[in-house]
N, C-alpha and C. Protein backbone atom coordinates (compact mmCIF):
# COMPACT_ATOMS: atom_id res chain seq x y z
N MET A 1 41.30 -27.90 -86.34
CA MET A 1 42.61 -28.42 -86.49
C MET A 1 43.36 -27.57 -87.38
N ALA A 2 44.93 -27.66 -87.21
CA ALA A 2 45.70 -26.55 -87.88
C ALA A 2 45.86 -27.23 -89.22
N ASP A 3 45.99 -26.15 -89.95
CA ASP A 3 46.38 -26.49 -91.68
C ASP A 3 47.58 -27.02 -91.42
N TRP A 4 48.12 -28.12 -92.38
CA TRP A 4 49.34 -28.57 -92.12
C TRP A 4 50.46 -27.90 -92.87
N ARG A 5 49.85 -26.84 -93.72
CA ARG A 5 50.84 -25.99 -94.27
C ARG A 5 51.80 -25.25 -93.26
N ALA A 6 50.85 -24.56 -92.60
CA ALA A 6 51.12 -24.05 -91.57
C ALA A 6 52.15 -24.60 -90.37
N GLU A 7 51.67 -25.87 -90.02
CA GLU A 7 52.27 -26.97 -89.05
C GLU A 7 53.99 -26.65 -89.89
N LEU A 8 53.81 -27.35 -90.96
CA LEU A 8 54.95 -27.78 -92.10
C LEU A 8 56.14 -26.81 -91.54
N GLY A 9 55.18 -25.11 -91.98
CA GLY A 9 56.07 -24.10 -92.08
C GLY A 9 56.84 -23.86 -90.74
N GLY A 10 56.24 -23.95 -89.83
CA GLY A 10 56.80 -24.01 -88.72
C GLY A 10 57.60 -25.03 -88.28
N ILE A 11 57.77 -26.46 -88.61
CA ILE A 11 58.65 -27.15 -88.66
C ILE A 11 59.94 -26.93 -88.85
N ILE A 12 59.78 -26.48 -90.35
CA ILE A 12 60.90 -26.37 -90.95
C ILE A 12 61.22 -25.21 -91.03
N ASN A 13 61.10 -24.29 -90.47
CA ASN A 13 61.37 -22.64 -89.93
C ASN A 13 62.16 -22.93 -88.58
N GLY A 14 61.96 -24.30 -87.83
CA GLY A 14 62.33 -24.38 -86.19
C GLY A 14 61.34 -24.04 -85.52
N LYS A 15 60.65 -23.28 -85.90
CA LYS A 15 59.51 -22.83 -85.05
C LYS A 15 58.45 -23.81 -84.21
N GLY A 16 58.20 -24.59 -85.16
CA GLY A 16 57.08 -25.43 -84.67
C GLY A 16 57.60 -26.43 -83.36
N ARG A 17 58.48 -26.66 -83.48
CA ARG A 17 59.45 -28.13 -82.66
C ARG A 17 59.91 -27.20 -81.09
N ALA A 18 60.22 -26.11 -81.42
CA ALA A 18 60.53 -25.18 -79.96
C ALA A 18 59.61 -24.66 -79.46
N THR A 19 58.65 -24.39 -80.17
CA THR A 19 57.05 -24.10 -79.66
C THR A 19 56.60 -25.28 -78.36
N ARG A 20 56.52 -26.64 -79.15
CA ARG A 20 55.76 -27.85 -78.81
C ARG A 20 56.74 -28.41 -77.83
N ALA A 21 58.02 -27.86 -77.77
CA ALA A 21 59.10 -28.29 -76.73
C ALA A 21 58.52 -27.58 -75.39
N GLU A 22 58.79 -25.84 -75.69
CA GLU A 22 58.15 -25.10 -74.64
C GLU A 22 57.24 -25.60 -73.72
N GLN A 23 56.06 -25.77 -74.75
CA GLN A 23 54.93 -26.11 -74.06
C GLN A 23 54.98 -27.31 -73.29
N GLU A 24 55.47 -28.52 -73.54
CA GLU A 24 55.50 -29.76 -72.88
C GLU A 24 56.26 -29.62 -71.75
N ASN A 25 57.47 -28.53 -71.65
CA ASN A 25 58.28 -28.20 -70.65
C ASN A 25 57.49 -27.44 -69.23
N ALA A 26 56.52 -26.70 -70.19
CA ALA A 26 55.87 -25.76 -69.06
C ALA A 26 54.58 -26.92 -68.23
N GLN A 27 54.22 -28.09 -69.40
CA GLN A 27 53.25 -28.55 -68.65
C GLN A 27 53.98 -29.65 -67.27
N PHE A 28 55.14 -29.88 -67.51
CA PHE A 28 55.85 -30.92 -66.75
C PHE A 28 56.21 -30.09 -65.78
N GLU A 29 56.53 -28.67 -65.93
CA GLU A 29 57.22 -28.36 -64.45
C GLU A 29 55.41 -27.83 -63.88
N ALA A 30 54.49 -27.37 -64.34
CA ALA A 30 53.27 -27.19 -63.52
C ALA A 30 52.72 -28.57 -62.95
N PHE A 31 52.94 -29.60 -63.75
CA PHE A 31 52.59 -31.13 -63.08
C PHE A 31 53.32 -31.30 -61.65
N LEU A 32 54.90 -31.05 -61.93
CA LEU A 32 55.57 -31.27 -60.85
C LEU A 32 55.27 -29.99 -59.54
N SER A 33 54.91 -28.28 -59.91
CA SER A 33 54.55 -27.75 -58.94
C SER A 33 53.76 -27.87 -58.17
N GLY A 34 52.25 -28.40 -58.96
CA GLY A 34 50.73 -28.69 -58.71
C GLY A 34 50.63 -29.97 -58.37
N VAL A 35 51.65 -30.79 -58.20
CA VAL A 35 50.95 -32.03 -58.03
C VAL A 35 51.53 -33.19 -57.35
N ALA A 36 53.30 -33.19 -57.89
CA ALA A 36 54.19 -33.90 -57.45
C ALA A 36 54.80 -33.57 -56.07
N THR A 37 55.27 -31.77 -55.90
CA THR A 37 55.71 -31.58 -54.80
C THR A 37 54.81 -31.50 -53.67
N PRO A 38 53.52 -31.20 -53.78
CA PRO A 38 52.64 -31.45 -52.76
C PRO A 38 52.15 -32.62 -52.32
N ALA A 39 52.58 -33.63 -53.02
CA ALA A 39 52.44 -35.00 -52.73
C ALA A 39 53.72 -35.29 -52.00
N LEU A 40 54.52 -35.16 -52.20
CA LEU A 40 55.70 -35.70 -51.68
C LEU A 40 56.15 -34.72 -50.39
N ARG A 41 56.01 -33.39 -50.25
CA ARG A 41 55.51 -32.94 -49.12
C ARG A 41 54.77 -33.64 -48.10
N GLN A 42 53.98 -33.72 -48.50
CA GLN A 42 52.81 -35.04 -47.44
C GLN A 42 53.54 -36.51 -47.08
N VAL A 43 54.50 -36.77 -47.76
CA VAL A 43 55.14 -38.27 -47.36
C VAL A 43 55.97 -37.71 -46.85
N ALA A 44 57.18 -36.69 -47.04
CA ALA A 44 58.18 -36.22 -46.15
C ALA A 44 57.35 -36.11 -44.89
N ALA A 45 56.33 -35.45 -44.60
CA ALA A 45 55.94 -34.90 -43.48
C ALA A 45 55.34 -36.12 -42.57
N GLU A 46 54.61 -37.28 -43.32
CA GLU A 46 54.47 -38.49 -42.70
C GLU A 46 55.96 -39.11 -42.08
N MET A 47 57.03 -39.14 -42.92
CA MET A 47 58.21 -39.84 -42.61
C MET A 47 58.90 -39.19 -41.31
N MET A 48 58.86 -37.50 -41.44
CA MET A 48 59.09 -37.31 -39.98
C MET A 48 58.55 -37.16 -38.70
N SER A 49 57.37 -37.99 -38.83
CA SER A 49 56.57 -38.32 -38.07
C SER A 49 57.17 -39.86 -37.69
N TYR A 50 58.18 -40.27 -38.14
CA TYR A 50 58.14 -41.65 -37.96
C TYR A 50 59.85 -41.56 -37.31
N GLY A 51 60.38 -40.00 -37.22
CA GLY A 51 61.41 -39.87 -36.69
C GLY A 51 62.57 -40.01 -37.86
N ARG A 52 61.98 -40.01 -39.11
CA ARG A 52 63.05 -39.22 -40.07
C ARG A 52 63.30 -38.00 -40.72
N ASP A 53 64.19 -37.97 -41.09
CA ASP A 53 64.87 -36.57 -41.51
C ASP A 53 64.31 -36.47 -42.95
N ALA A 54 63.59 -35.95 -43.44
CA ALA A 54 62.94 -35.54 -44.62
C ALA A 54 63.41 -34.29 -45.56
N SER A 55 63.67 -34.48 -46.56
CA SER A 55 63.78 -33.21 -47.52
C SER A 55 63.39 -33.22 -48.69
N ILE A 56 62.68 -32.03 -49.06
CA ILE A 56 62.07 -32.02 -50.84
C ILE A 56 63.20 -30.84 -51.41
N ARG A 57 63.74 -31.50 -52.44
CA ARG A 57 64.69 -30.10 -53.20
C ARG A 57 64.14 -30.14 -54.58
N GLU A 58 63.64 -29.03 -54.61
CA GLU A 58 63.24 -28.25 -56.17
C GLU A 58 63.76 -28.03 -57.29
N ALA A 59 63.61 -27.78 -58.06
CA ALA A 59 64.12 -27.36 -59.18
C ALA A 59 63.16 -27.07 -60.26
N PRO A 60 63.97 -26.51 -61.70
CA PRO A 60 62.39 -26.07 -62.15
C PRO A 60 62.05 -27.38 -62.94
N ALA A 61 62.81 -28.20 -63.47
CA ALA A 61 61.91 -29.36 -64.26
C ALA A 61 62.50 -30.83 -63.11
N SER A 62 62.41 -30.66 -61.86
CA SER A 62 62.67 -31.87 -61.03
C SER A 62 62.36 -31.34 -59.66
N VAL A 63 62.29 -32.75 -58.96
CA VAL A 63 61.80 -32.46 -57.20
C VAL A 63 62.17 -33.80 -56.85
N VAL A 64 62.69 -33.46 -55.72
CA VAL A 64 63.60 -34.64 -55.26
C VAL A 64 63.27 -35.04 -53.44
N LEU A 65 62.91 -36.12 -53.11
CA LEU A 65 62.44 -36.59 -51.87
C LEU A 65 63.58 -37.28 -51.42
N THR A 66 64.32 -36.65 -50.04
CA THR A 66 65.13 -37.52 -49.41
C THR A 66 64.95 -37.69 -47.84
N VAL A 67 65.17 -39.31 -47.35
CA VAL A 67 64.88 -39.74 -46.42
C VAL A 67 65.89 -40.28 -45.80
N ARG A 68 66.06 -39.74 -44.57
CA ARG A 68 67.65 -40.56 -43.64
C ARG A 68 67.18 -40.50 -42.46
N LYS A 69 67.83 -41.46 -41.70
CA LYS A 69 67.67 -41.99 -40.42
C LYS A 69 68.91 -41.98 -39.64
N ASP A 70 69.32 -41.29 -38.96
CA ASP A 70 70.64 -41.52 -38.15
C ASP A 70 71.91 -41.22 -39.19
N GLY A 71 71.67 -40.26 -40.02
CA GLY A 71 72.69 -39.78 -41.10
C GLY A 71 72.93 -40.59 -42.19
N LEU A 72 71.83 -42.20 -42.53
CA LEU A 72 72.20 -42.48 -43.51
C LEU A 72 70.69 -42.46 -44.28
N GLU A 73 71.47 -42.17 -45.77
CA GLU A 73 69.98 -42.03 -46.78
C GLU A 73 69.27 -43.25 -46.80
N GLU A 74 67.92 -43.05 -46.57
CA GLU A 74 67.20 -44.60 -46.90
C GLU A 74 66.70 -44.38 -48.35
N ILE A 75 66.14 -43.66 -48.37
CA ILE A 75 65.15 -43.16 -49.60
C ILE A 75 65.51 -42.27 -50.33
N THR A 76 65.64 -42.11 -51.79
CA THR A 76 65.48 -41.08 -52.63
C THR A 76 64.72 -41.32 -53.86
N SER A 77 63.70 -40.08 -53.84
CA SER A 77 63.02 -40.62 -55.06
C SER A 77 63.02 -38.97 -55.80
N ALA A 78 63.19 -39.50 -57.31
CA ALA A 78 63.26 -37.96 -57.87
C ALA A 78 62.23 -38.24 -59.23
N SER A 79 61.90 -36.97 -59.11
CA SER A 79 60.46 -36.69 -60.22
C SER A 79 61.04 -35.68 -61.28
């Protein structure tokens, strides 16, 4: 366990929160790229087998699946 004085000093000096937030963002981005995006790619492939146009749009902190049929958007799922 970290020394509480070091933790308090990091928070007071503004370093602790930024570091923790950066770590959480990195973990979330790893989840998106390692779990969510591959799963949505599988869903998109399955939707295409049913004659739908499916696309995946990725950004550093999000992934979006969009499914269309005949130009009309049927599903949008964001993570």
